[in-house]
Protein backbone atom coordinates (compact mmCIF):
# COMPACT_ATOMS: atom_id res chain seq x y z
CA UNK A 1 31.28 -46.53 50.05
CA UNK A 2 31.99 -42.95 48.63
CA UNK A 3 29.21 -40.71 47.45
CA UNK A 4 28.85 -40.67 43.80
CA UNK A 5 27.57 -37.78 41.47
CA UNK A 6 26.74 -37.04 37.73
CA UNK A 7 28.61 -33.85 37.04
CA UNK A 8 29.40 -31.81 34.10
CA UNK A 9 31.75 -32.31 31.86
CA UNK A 10 32.90 -28.81 31.86
CA UNK A 11 34.79 -29.31 35.08
CA UNK A 12 37.46 -31.29 32.40
CA UNK A 13 38.39 -27.95 31.04
CA UNK A 14 38.55 -25.90 34.31
CA UNK A 15 41.72 -27.70 34.99
CA UNK A 16 44.96 -25.79 33.58
CA UNK A 17 46.82 -27.50 30.75
CA UNK A 18 50.64 -27.11 31.55
CA UNK A 19 52.81 -25.00 29.54
CA UNK A 20 55.80 -26.53 29.16
CA UNK A 21 54.52 -29.59 27.20
CA UNK A 22 57.56 -29.53 25.04
CA UNK A 23 59.75 -30.12 27.86
CA UNK A 24 57.40 -32.57 29.19
CA UNK A 25 57.39 -34.54 26.16
CA UNK A 26 61.38 -34.32 26.04
CA UNK A 27 61.65 -35.95 29.44
CA UNK A 28 59.13 -38.38 28.32
CA UNK A 29 61.27 -39.21 25.32
CA UNK A 30 64.04 -39.44 27.16
CA UNK A 31 62.83 -41.60 30.04
CA UNK A 32 61.46 -44.03 27.49
CA UNK A 33 64.69 -44.37 25.63
CA UNK A 34 67.44 -44.84 28.43
CA UNK A 35 64.61 -47.54 29.47
CA UNK A 36 65.59 -50.94 28.11
CA UNK A 37 61.91 -52.98 29.24
CA UNK A 38 60.49 -54.55 26.79
CA UNK A 39 56.64 -54.22 27.24
CA UNK A 40 54.20 -56.82 26.54
CA UNK A 41 50.56 -55.66 26.36
CA UNK A 42 47.89 -58.38 26.40
CA UNK A 43 44.85 -57.40 25.27
CA UNK A 44 41.54 -59.43 26.03
CA UNK A 45 39.62 -58.01 23.33
CA UNK A 46 41.49 -56.81 19.94
CA UNK A 47 40.25 -52.87 20.52
CA UNK A 48 43.34 -52.25 23.35
CA UNK A 49 44.86 -51.00 20.28
CA UNK A 50 42.85 -47.86 20.18
CA UNK A 51 45.83 -45.37 20.77
CA UNK A 52 48.90 -46.59 18.54
CA UNK A 53 50.25 -47.06 15.36
CA UNK A 54 52.84 -49.29 13.06
CA UNK A 55 52.72 -51.95 16.17
CA UNK A 56 52.42 -56.04 15.83
CA UNK A 57 49.46 -57.71 17.06
CA UNK A 58 50.05 -61.45 17.64
CA UNK A 59 47.14 -63.63 18.01
CA UNK A 60 48.47 -66.45 19.56
CA UNK A 61 50.93 -66.68 22.18
CA UNK A 62 53.15 -69.67 21.25
CA UNK A 63 57.18 -69.66 21.87
CA UNK A 64 57.97 -68.52 18.34
CA UNK A 65 55.14 -65.09 18.42
CA UNK A 66 56.39 -64.21 21.54
CA UNK A 67 60.35 -64.45 20.52
CA UNK A 68 59.49 -62.60 17.32
CA UNK A 69 57.90 -60.16 19.31
CA UNK A 70 61.19 -59.76 22.08
CA UNK A 71 63.05 -59.60 18.94
CA UNK A 72 61.17 -56.70 17.04
CA UNK A 73 63.03 -53.01 17.48
CA UNK A 74 59.68 -51.46 18.61
CA UNK A 75 59.41 -51.07 22.29
CA UNK A 76 55.90 -52.63 22.51
CA UNK A 77 54.24 -55.80 21.10
CA UNK A 78 50.54 -56.86 21.63
CA UNK A 79 49.30 -60.27 22.41
CA UNK A 80 45.82 -60.81 21.48
CA UNK A 81 44.24 -63.09 24.58
CA UNK A 82 40.60 -62.33 24.24
CA UNK A 83 40.59 -63.27 27.62
CA UNK A 84 37.06 -61.09 28.15
CA UNK A 85 35.29 -64.02 26.07
CA UNK A 86 36.69 -67.01 28.72
CA UNK A 87 35.57 -68.48 31.80
CA UNK A 88 37.33 -67.83 34.67
CA UNK A 89 39.34 -71.00 34.42
CA UNK A 90 40.12 -70.55 30.93
CA UNK A 91 41.67 -67.12 31.52
CA UNK A 92 43.71 -69.12 34.45
CA UNK A 93 45.27 -71.77 31.91
CA UNK A 94 46.14 -68.93 29.05
CA UNK A 95 47.77 -66.18 31.55
CA UNK A 96 49.56 -69.02 33.19
CA UNK A 97 50.96 -70.42 30.03
CA UNK A 98 51.71 -66.74 28.54
CA UNK A 99 53.43 -65.35 32.06
CA UNK A 100 55.63 -68.22 31.87
CA UNK A 101 56.50 -68.38 27.82
CA UNK A 102 57.42 -64.80 28.45
CA UNK A 103 59.81 -65.02 31.37
CA UNK A 104 61.53 -68.20 29.29
CA UNK A 105 62.33 -66.02 26.50
CA UNK A 106 63.40 -63.08 28.45
CA UNK A 107 65.35 -65.05 30.16
CA UNK A 108 67.18 -66.09 26.98
CA UNK A 109 67.50 -63.07 25.44
CA UNK A 110 68.63 -61.44 28.81
CA UNK A 111 65.62 -58.65 28.02
CA UNK A 112 64.04 -57.06 31.16
CA UNK A 113 60.13 -56.64 30.55
CA UNK A 114 57.14 -55.60 31.97
CA UNK A 115 53.76 -56.62 31.32
CA UNK A 116 50.40 -54.31 30.74
CA UNK A 117 47.04 -55.90 31.29
CA UNK A 118 44.97 -54.00 28.71
CA UNK A 119 41.08 -54.28 29.79
CA UNK A 120 37.79 -52.43 29.08
CA UNK A 121 38.00 -48.61 29.88
CA UNK A 122 34.84 -49.49 31.66
CA UNK A 123 36.47 -51.75 34.52
CA UNK A 124 34.96 -55.04 32.75
CA UNK A 125 37.06 -58.13 32.86
CA UNK A 126 39.00 -61.11 34.87
CA UNK A 127 40.17 -58.88 37.44
CA UNK A 128 42.41 -59.31 39.65
CA UNK A 129 42.77 -62.86 38.20
CA UNK A 130 44.94 -61.93 35.34
CA UNK A 131 47.18 -59.81 37.16
CA UNK A 132 47.38 -62.26 40.09
CA UNK A 133 48.55 -65.15 37.50
CA UNK A 134 51.04 -63.28 35.78
CA UNK A 135 52.76 -61.91 39.25
CA UNK A 136 52.39 -65.36 40.36
CA UNK A 137 54.51 -66.39 37.18
CA UNK A 138 56.84 -63.82 36.95
CA UNK A 139 57.81 -64.86 40.45
CA UNK A 140 57.80 -68.46 39.59
CA UNK A 141 60.28 -68.21 36.44
CA UNK A 142 61.58 -65.37 36.68
CA UNK A 143 62.17 -65.57 40.62
CA UNK A 144 61.32 -61.72 40.50
CA UNK A 145 58.64 -60.42 42.77
CA UNK A 146 56.50 -57.65 41.72
CA UNK A 147 56.19 -54.40 43.96
CA UNK A 148 52.62 -52.95 42.97
CA UNK A 149 49.62 -52.72 40.69
CA UNK A 150 48.92 -50.14 38.71
CA UNK A 151 45.28 -49.22 37.76
CA UNK A 152 44.58 -46.88 35.19
CA UNK A 153 41.72 -47.03 32.98
CA UNK A 154 41.93 -43.66 31.60
CA UNK A 155 40.87 -43.14 27.55
CA UNK A 156 40.02 -40.38 26.68
CA UNK A 157 39.18 -41.11 22.91
CA UNK A 158 36.47 -42.90 24.49
CA UNK A 159 35.53 -40.32 26.92
CA UNK A 160 36.75 -42.07 30.04
CA UNK A 161 38.50 -40.10 32.87
CA UNK A 162 39.35 -40.43 36.25
CA UNK A 163 38.72 -37.83 38.99
CA UNK A 164 38.93 -37.40 42.27
CA UNK A 165 39.65 -41.52 42.18
CA UNK A 166 36.13 -41.45 40.82
CA UNK A 167 35.81 -43.23 37.01
CA UNK A 168 33.66 -41.44 34.64
CA UNK A 169 32.21 -42.15 31.46
CA UNK A 170 31.23 -39.12 29.29
CA UNK A 171 27.50 -39.01 28.04
CA UNK A 172 27.74 -36.29 25.75
CA UNK A 173 28.02 -33.37 28.56
CA UNK A 174 27.96 -35.43 31.74
CA UNK A 175 30.47 -37.64 33.39
CA UNK A 176 28.64 -40.64 34.71
CA UNK A 177 30.24 -42.54 37.51
CA UNK A 178 31.18 -45.77 35.76
CA UNK A 179 29.14 -47.80 38.33
CA UNK A 180 26.06 -45.93 37.45
CA UNK A 181 26.41 -47.09 33.55
CA UNK A 182 25.13 -50.03 32.08
CA UNK A 183 28.57 -51.61 31.69
CA UNK A 184 28.71 -52.28 35.37
CA UNK A 185 25.47 -53.97 35.01
CA UNK A 186 27.22 -56.85 32.90
CA UNK A 187 26.29 -60.10 33.93
CA UNK A 188 29.63 -61.64 34.07
CA UNK A 189 31.72 -58.78 34.97
CA UNK A 190 29.67 -56.29 36.61
CA UNK A 191 30.30 -54.29 39.95
CA UNK A 192 29.29 -51.54 42.33
CA UNK A 193 31.78 -49.07 42.88
CA UNK A 194 33.20 -46.25 40.92
CA UNK A 195 35.72 -44.85 43.28
CA UNK A 196 38.69 -47.09 41.98
CA UNK A 197 40.32 -47.84 45.56
CA UNK A 198 36.82 -49.00 46.63
CA UNK A 199 36.34 -51.01 42.90
CA UNK A 200 39.65 -52.59 44.32
CA UNK A 201 38.63 -53.95 47.07
CA UNK A 202 35.73 -55.42 45.76
CA UNK A 203 37.06 -56.85 43.36
CA UNK A 204 39.64 -58.43 45.80
CA UNK A 205 36.89 -59.36 47.80
CA UNK A 206 38.30 -57.27 50.79
CA UNK A 207 41.97 -58.52 50.39
CA UNK A 208 43.00 -55.07 49.42
CA UNK A 209 41.41 -52.57 51.25
CA UNK A 210 40.74 -48.79 49.90
CA UNK A 211 42.37 -47.14 52.44
CA UNK A 212 45.51 -48.51 51.53
CA UNK A 213 45.49 -47.65 47.90
CA UNK A 214 48.25 -45.15 46.80
CA UNK A 215 46.49 -42.68 44.75
CA UNK A 216 48.00 -40.66 42.40
CA UNK A 217 46.38 -37.20 42.42
CA UNK A 218 45.43 -35.04 39.71
CA UNK A 219 46.90 -32.22 41.63
CA UNK A 220 50.14 -33.57 41.90
CA UNK A 221 50.29 -34.63 38.62
CA UNK A 222 49.43 -30.86 36.73
CA UNK A 223 52.03 -29.81 39.13
CA UNK A 224 54.26 -32.04 37.64
CA UNK A 225 55.31 -32.82 41.34
CA UNK A 226 57.81 -35.60 39.72
CA UNK A 227 59.26 -36.17 42.86
CA UNK A 228 56.22 -36.94 45.24
CA UNK A 229 55.00 -39.30 42.61
CA UNK A 230 58.24 -41.32 42.52
CA UNK A 231 58.01 -41.39 46.16
CA UNK A 232 54.95 -42.47 46.10
CA UNK A 233 55.42 -45.62 43.66
CA UNK A 234 58.93 -46.63 45.59
CA UNK A 235 56.63 -46.92 48.83
CA UNK A 236 54.45 -49.47 47.06
CA UNK A 237 55.57 -52.94 47.81
CA UNK A 238 53.77 -56.49 48.51
CA UNK A 239 51.98 -56.25 45.15
CA UNK A 240 49.75 -53.37 46.99
CA UNK A 241 47.74 -50.77 44.74
CA UNK A 242 48.45 -47.92 42.78
CA UNK A 243 45.26 -45.71 40.99
CA UNK A 244 46.14 -42.86 38.62
CA UNK A 245 44.07 -39.82 37.69
CA UNK A 246 44.06 -38.57 34.45
CA UNK A 247 41.75 -36.54 32.54
CA UNK A 248 44.12 -35.87 29.55
CA UNK A 249 47.46 -37.67 28.40
CA UNK A 250 49.58 -34.59 29.84
CA UNK A 251 48.55 -36.33 33.18
CA UNK A 252 49.67 -39.78 32.13
CA UNK A 253 53.05 -38.14 30.66
CA UNK A 254 53.82 -36.68 33.94
CA UNK A 255 53.36 -40.26 35.78
CA UNK A 256 54.86 -42.07 33.26
CA UNK A 257 58.55 -39.84 33.71
CA UNK A 258 57.81 -40.48 37.53
CA UNK A 259 57.07 -44.29 37.25
CA UNK A 260 60.61 -44.70 34.80
CA UNK A 261 62.99 -43.10 37.56
CA UNK A 262 60.58 -45.11 39.76
CA UNK A 263 61.36 -48.56 37.94
CA UNK A 264 64.99 -47.39 37.01
CA UNK A 265 65.73 -47.57 41.11
CA UNK A 266 64.45 -51.34 40.52
CA UNK A 267 60.89 -50.94 41.75
CA UNK A 268 58.83 -53.06 39.63
CA UNK A 269 54.95 -53.22 39.12
CA UNK A 270 52.43 -54.90 36.48
CA UNK A 271 49.79 -52.56 34.92
CA UNK A 272 45.83 -53.17 34.65
CA UNK A 273 44.90 -50.48 32.32
CA UNK A 274 42.76 -49.18 29.44
CA UNK A 275 44.39 -48.23 25.86
CA UNK A 276 45.72 -44.76 27.32
CA UNK A 277 48.53 -45.59 28.92
CA UNK A 278 50.21 -48.02 26.35
CA UNK A 279 50.72 -44.88 24.12
CA UNK A 280 52.58 -43.17 26.56
CA UNK A 281 54.40 -45.82 28.09
CA UNK A 282 55.64 -46.65 24.61
CA UNK A 283 56.09 -42.44 23.84
CA UNK A 284 54.24 -43.49 20.59
CA UNK A 285 53.49 -40.02 18.60
CA UNK A 286 50.06 -39.01 17.10
CA UNK A 287 48.96 -39.55 13.94
CA UNK A 288 46.15 -38.20 11.83
CA UNK A 289 43.42 -40.05 11.26
CA UNK A 290 43.38 -42.68 8.65
CA UNK A 291 41.30 -41.61 4.87
CA UNK A 292 40.54 -43.57 2.04
CA UNK A 293 43.90 -43.58 0.33
CA UNK A 294 45.40 -45.18 3.13
CA UNK A 295 42.83 -47.90 3.46
CA UNK A 296 41.20 -49.47 0.25
CA UNK A 297 43.07 -51.28 -2.39
CA UNK A 298 42.26 -49.94 -5.82
CA UNK A 299 42.66 -53.14 -7.77
CA UNK A 300 39.50 -54.21 -5.18
CA UNK A 301 35.96 -53.53 -6.78
CA UNK A 302 33.79 -55.46 -4.23
CA UNK A 303 31.54 -53.91 -1.56
CA UNK A 304 32.74 -54.08 2.13
CA UNK A 305 31.06 -55.69 4.83
CA UNK A 306 30.01 -54.69 8.64
CA UNK A 307 29.09 -56.67 11.19
CA UNK A 308 27.33 -55.56 14.05
CA UNK A 309 27.83 -57.83 17.16
CA UNK A 310 27.75 -55.56 19.98
CA UNK A 311 24.37 -55.01 22.33
CA UNK A 312 25.22 -51.71 23.92
CA UNK A 313 22.78 -48.91 23.67
CA UNK A 314 25.03 -46.39 22.02
CA UNK A 315 25.69 -49.31 19.43
CA UNK A 316 22.42 -49.61 18.42
CA UNK A 317 21.90 -45.73 18.28
CA UNK A 318 24.85 -45.57 16.03
CA UNK A 319 23.45 -48.76 13.78
CA UNK A 320 20.07 -46.33 13.69
CA UNK A 321 22.13 -43.43 11.91
CA UNK A 322 24.30 -45.62 9.98
CA UNK A 323 21.02 -46.21 8.11
CA UNK A 324 21.03 -43.14 6.67
CA UNK A 325 23.85 -44.13 4.24
CA UNK A 326 21.48 -45.21 0.95
CA UNK A 327 24.29 -47.23 -0.91
CA UNK A 328 24.39 -49.82 2.16
CA UNK A 329 22.24 -52.61 2.33
CA UNK A 330 20.88 -54.14 5.89
CA UNK A 331 20.38 -57.30 7.02
CA UNK A 332 19.17 -58.64 10.39
CA UNK A 333 20.90 -61.98 11.53
CA UNK A 334 18.61 -63.77 13.96
CA UNK A 335 20.90 -64.38 16.61
CA UNK A 336 18.08 -65.77 19.22
CA UNK A 337 18.07 -68.93 16.79
CA UNK A 338 20.83 -69.92 18.93
CA UNK A 339 18.44 -71.51 20.84
CA UNK A 340 17.60 -74.19 17.75
CA UNK A 341 21.14 -75.58 16.34
CA UNK A 342 19.41 -76.47 13.17
CA UNK A 343 17.64 -73.24 12.42
CA UNK A 344 20.09 -71.20 13.59
CA UNK A 345 22.61 -73.33 10.83
CA UNK A 346 19.90 -72.24 8.28
CA UNK A 347 20.28 -68.85 9.78
CA UNK A 348 23.79 -68.58 8.85
CA UNK A 349 23.95 -70.15 5.76
CA UNK A 350 21.19 -67.65 4.37
CA UNK A 351 22.87 -64.84 5.45
CA UNK A 352 26.23 -65.40 3.92
CA UNK A 353 24.71 -66.23 0.44
CA UNK A 354 22.90 -62.68 0.81
CA UNK A 355 26.04 -61.28 1.83
CA UNK A 356 27.99 -62.68 -1.07
CA UNK A 357 25.44 -61.52 -3.53
CA UNK A 358 25.76 -57.96 -2.69
CA UNK A 359 29.36 -57.58 -2.08
CA UNK A 360 30.17 -58.83 -5.31
CA UNK A 361 27.99 -56.17 -7.24
CA UNK A 362 30.06 -53.48 -5.41
CA UNK A 363 27.85 -52.88 -2.46
CA UNK A 364 28.84 -53.04 0.91
CA UNK A 365 26.33 -55.29 3.68
CA UNK A 366 25.54 -54.39 7.35
CA UNK A 367 24.65 -57.51 9.04
CA UNK A 368 23.91 -57.38 12.43
CA UNK A 369 22.46 -59.17 15.21
CA UNK A 370 18.95 -58.88 17.21
CA UNK A 371 19.27 -55.57 19.07
CA UNK A 372 17.81 -57.13 22.29
CA UNK A 373 20.08 -59.16 24.43
CA UNK A 374 18.18 -62.64 24.90
CA UNK A 375 17.40 -63.06 28.32
CA UNK A 376 16.36 -66.50 29.77
CA UNK A 377 14.84 -67.43 33.24
CA UNK A 378 17.31 -68.67 35.52
CA UNK A 379 19.76 -68.18 33.66
CA UNK A 380 23.57 -67.99 34.89
CA UNK A 381 26.62 -66.08 34.59
CA UNK A 382 28.39 -68.83 32.82
CA UNK A 383 25.70 -70.14 31.00
CA UNK A 384 25.48 -66.14 29.64
CA UNK A 385 28.80 -66.37 28.61
CA UNK A 386 28.61 -69.79 27.02
CA UNK A 387 25.68 -68.72 25.08
CA UNK A 388 27.15 -65.61 23.88
CA UNK A 389 30.26 -67.28 22.29
CA UNK A 390 28.20 -69.44 20.73
CA UNK A 391 26.37 -66.44 18.75
CA UNK A 392 29.94 -64.78 18.30
CA UNK A 393 31.15 -67.72 16.60
CA UNK A 394 28.00 -67.95 14.11
CA UNK A 395 28.62 -64.13 13.70
CA UNK A 396 31.88 -64.39 12.92
CA UNK A 397 31.41 -67.25 10.28
CA UNK A 398 29.59 -64.65 8.94
CA UNK A 399 32.98 -63.32 7.52
CA UNK A 400 34.46 -66.56 7.67
CA UNK A 401 32.40 -68.30 5.20
CA UNK A 402 32.98 -65.49 2.52
CA UNK A 403 34.01 -66.95 -1.09
CA UNK A 404 34.74 -63.62 -2.28
CA UNK A 405 37.36 -60.59 -1.02
CA UNK A 406 35.62 -57.44 0.67
CA UNK A 407 36.98 -54.33 0.04
CA UNK A 408 37.34 -54.11 3.89
CA UNK A 409 35.83 -55.82 7.05
CA UNK A 410 34.44 -53.52 10.08
CA UNK A 411 33.53 -55.47 13.01
CA UNK A 412 31.39 -53.61 16.13
CA UNK A 413 31.98 -55.22 19.30
CA UNK A 414 34.78 -56.52 21.45
CA UNK A 415 34.42 -60.37 21.30
CA UNK A 416 32.82 -60.13 17.50
CA UNK A 417 35.90 -58.77 16.57
CA UNK A 418 38.29 -60.60 18.19
CA UNK A 419 36.63 -63.99 16.38
CA UNK A 420 36.56 -62.17 13.03
CA UNK A 421 39.81 -61.59 13.31
CA UNK A 422 41.68 -64.90 14.71
CA UNK A 423 38.83 -67.25 13.45
CA UNK A 424 37.07 -65.76 10.37
CA UNK A 425 40.13 -63.49 8.58
CA UNK A 426 42.57 -66.14 10.42
CA UNK A 427 45.09 -63.03 11.41
CA UNK A 428 48.33 -64.55 13.12
CA UNK A 429 50.46 -61.07 13.07
CA UNK A 430 48.39 -57.73 12.30
CA UNK A 431 49.81 -54.36 11.90
CA UNK A 432 48.35 -51.57 13.32
CA UNK A 433 48.06 -48.71 10.62
CA UNK A 434 46.73 -46.27 13.10
CA UNK A 435 42.98 -45.04 13.74
CA UNK A 436 40.27 -44.38 11.52
CA UNK A 437 37.96 -42.38 13.99
CA UNK A 438 39.34 -41.44 17.88
CA UNK A 439 39.55 -45.04 19.66
CA UNK A 440 38.47 -46.74 16.49
CA UNK A 441 41.88 -48.66 15.07
CA UNK A 442 42.44 -50.49 11.92
CA UNK A 443 44.62 -53.69 11.41
CA UNK A 444 45.94 -54.46 8.16
CA UNK A 445 45.80 -58.20 7.58
CA UNK A 446 48.78 -60.53 7.06
CA UNK A 447 49.85 -61.89 3.76
CA UNK A 448 48.70 -65.66 5.46
CA UNK A 449 45.21 -64.10 6.25
CA UNK A 450 41.94 -65.05 4.72
CA UNK A 451 41.77 -61.76 3.01
CA UNK A 452 45.58 -60.73 2.69
CA UNK A 453 46.37 -57.11 3.18
CA UNK A 454 43.02 -55.89 3.53
CA UNK A 455 42.15 -53.34 6.11
CA UNK A 456 40.00 -54.77 9.00
CA UNK A 457 38.30 -51.75 11.45
CA UNK A 458 37.82 -52.93 14.98
CA UNK A 459 34.69 -50.59 16.15
CA UNK A 460 34.17 -51.29 20.15
CA UNK A 461 30.86 -51.34 21.12
CA UNK A 462 31.07 -48.88 23.43
CA UNK A 463 33.28 -46.00 21.93
CA UNK A 464 32.39 -42.89 19.99
CA UNK A 465 29.27 -40.77 19.60
CA UNK A 466 25.86 -41.52 17.42
CA UNK A 467 27.28 -40.38 14.52
CA UNK A 468 30.94 -42.29 14.51
CA UNK A 469 30.10 -45.89 12.87
CA UNK A 470 28.40 -43.64 9.84
CA UNK A 471 31.80 -41.38 9.83
CA UNK A 472 33.83 -44.64 9.40
CA UNK A 473 31.73 -45.99 6.91
CA UNK A 474 31.65 -42.75 5.06
CA UNK A 475 35.46 -42.65 5.12
CA UNK A 476 35.83 -46.16 3.35
CA UNK A 477 32.79 -45.48 0.61
CA UNK A 478 34.74 -42.68 0.21
CA UNK A 479 34.93 -43.31 -3.73
CA UNK A 480 32.38 -46.26 -3.98
């Protein structure tokens, strides 16, 4: 296995940016405009819209929703699967259904399509299961095999960079190999390798060898060697794997221009990526960060609610920083009571009552689960996941049981934000307004949701600096 070391983040600025960015943007826009494929992004939690705006997110995958997505003018639409909260068997079942329905709609509308399996930028999730199922369904229902799978976990806004095939997570001024981070120790989705080619071999249990992985180098991307990159992509067959190095959006722009050229020549790919690639493949423009007046309904004088479920060290530090805002009220939700159902129900009811009393007087309430993750002796991955889902169901009910409309809802954590969006807020189709901070997306709830047209801020557990959550809340409280 490749030896990996922590390196100084200054290395990122040592690579010269292309001088012809305007021309590169023109080439990208031209390539995207000419391509006729609809791009469907299957998002394994709601945080995948971290880089886009003015696109739709469907929270179910029935025929009507998928057909509506295909019929939109936008090139891209999202389907929220929330599969990171599923067991492997549940994930398999869901992806078989989605893959079959997408193929059916595409055939009826005579519309070619590509699927991006958007997953965690720190490499957690049901991989390779999800993309293998999607490939099988495409072959079964569309009679088309997929030449290759492209892995691209780059996500600049979250500090995720791939350099020399090593995937890094940025902590202050250090780049830490992903396999050395807390994320790699995840009970359900843990891994060892930081080198993406070796990660593929590890996760596929040796089916796809690291030495056979095609790696798109940063040197070729910065030199804009379109012909070589296209040649590499055209050489891929039998669902072999491609790794994309990237430390800036310009790298993905070069890659995507070459990619569309290969696709135009008949090559077919499935993508496993973080949020960065989606934006570039759709040529979605930059948009300024959302401000108070973009978000808050003037007629709503109630307070907001902030729910913090993520247990990452970063989230806990962000919570401590948030406590510096004096006009907030804080409640610790005793999530450890999950082991005692009657007591757990009492805790839920008590917390909801406290929330409503705070919100109706115009103050914002912050509810957070216990900061130490509950660990049991002789625990299994499946048991830990099931218990986590039970806690998340309780946490979402802290919003779902409200009888008063909050000015806004903030959810911290992937599973937490998915359950609040779909179960508590009952959103079936959301509009992505944009981002309130880099990598922090905002949905506008639909008219049929529990609280129509309020901003729903989806804050990933592993994104942002120590003060980012505080900045988000300060924006929302600007005139409060």
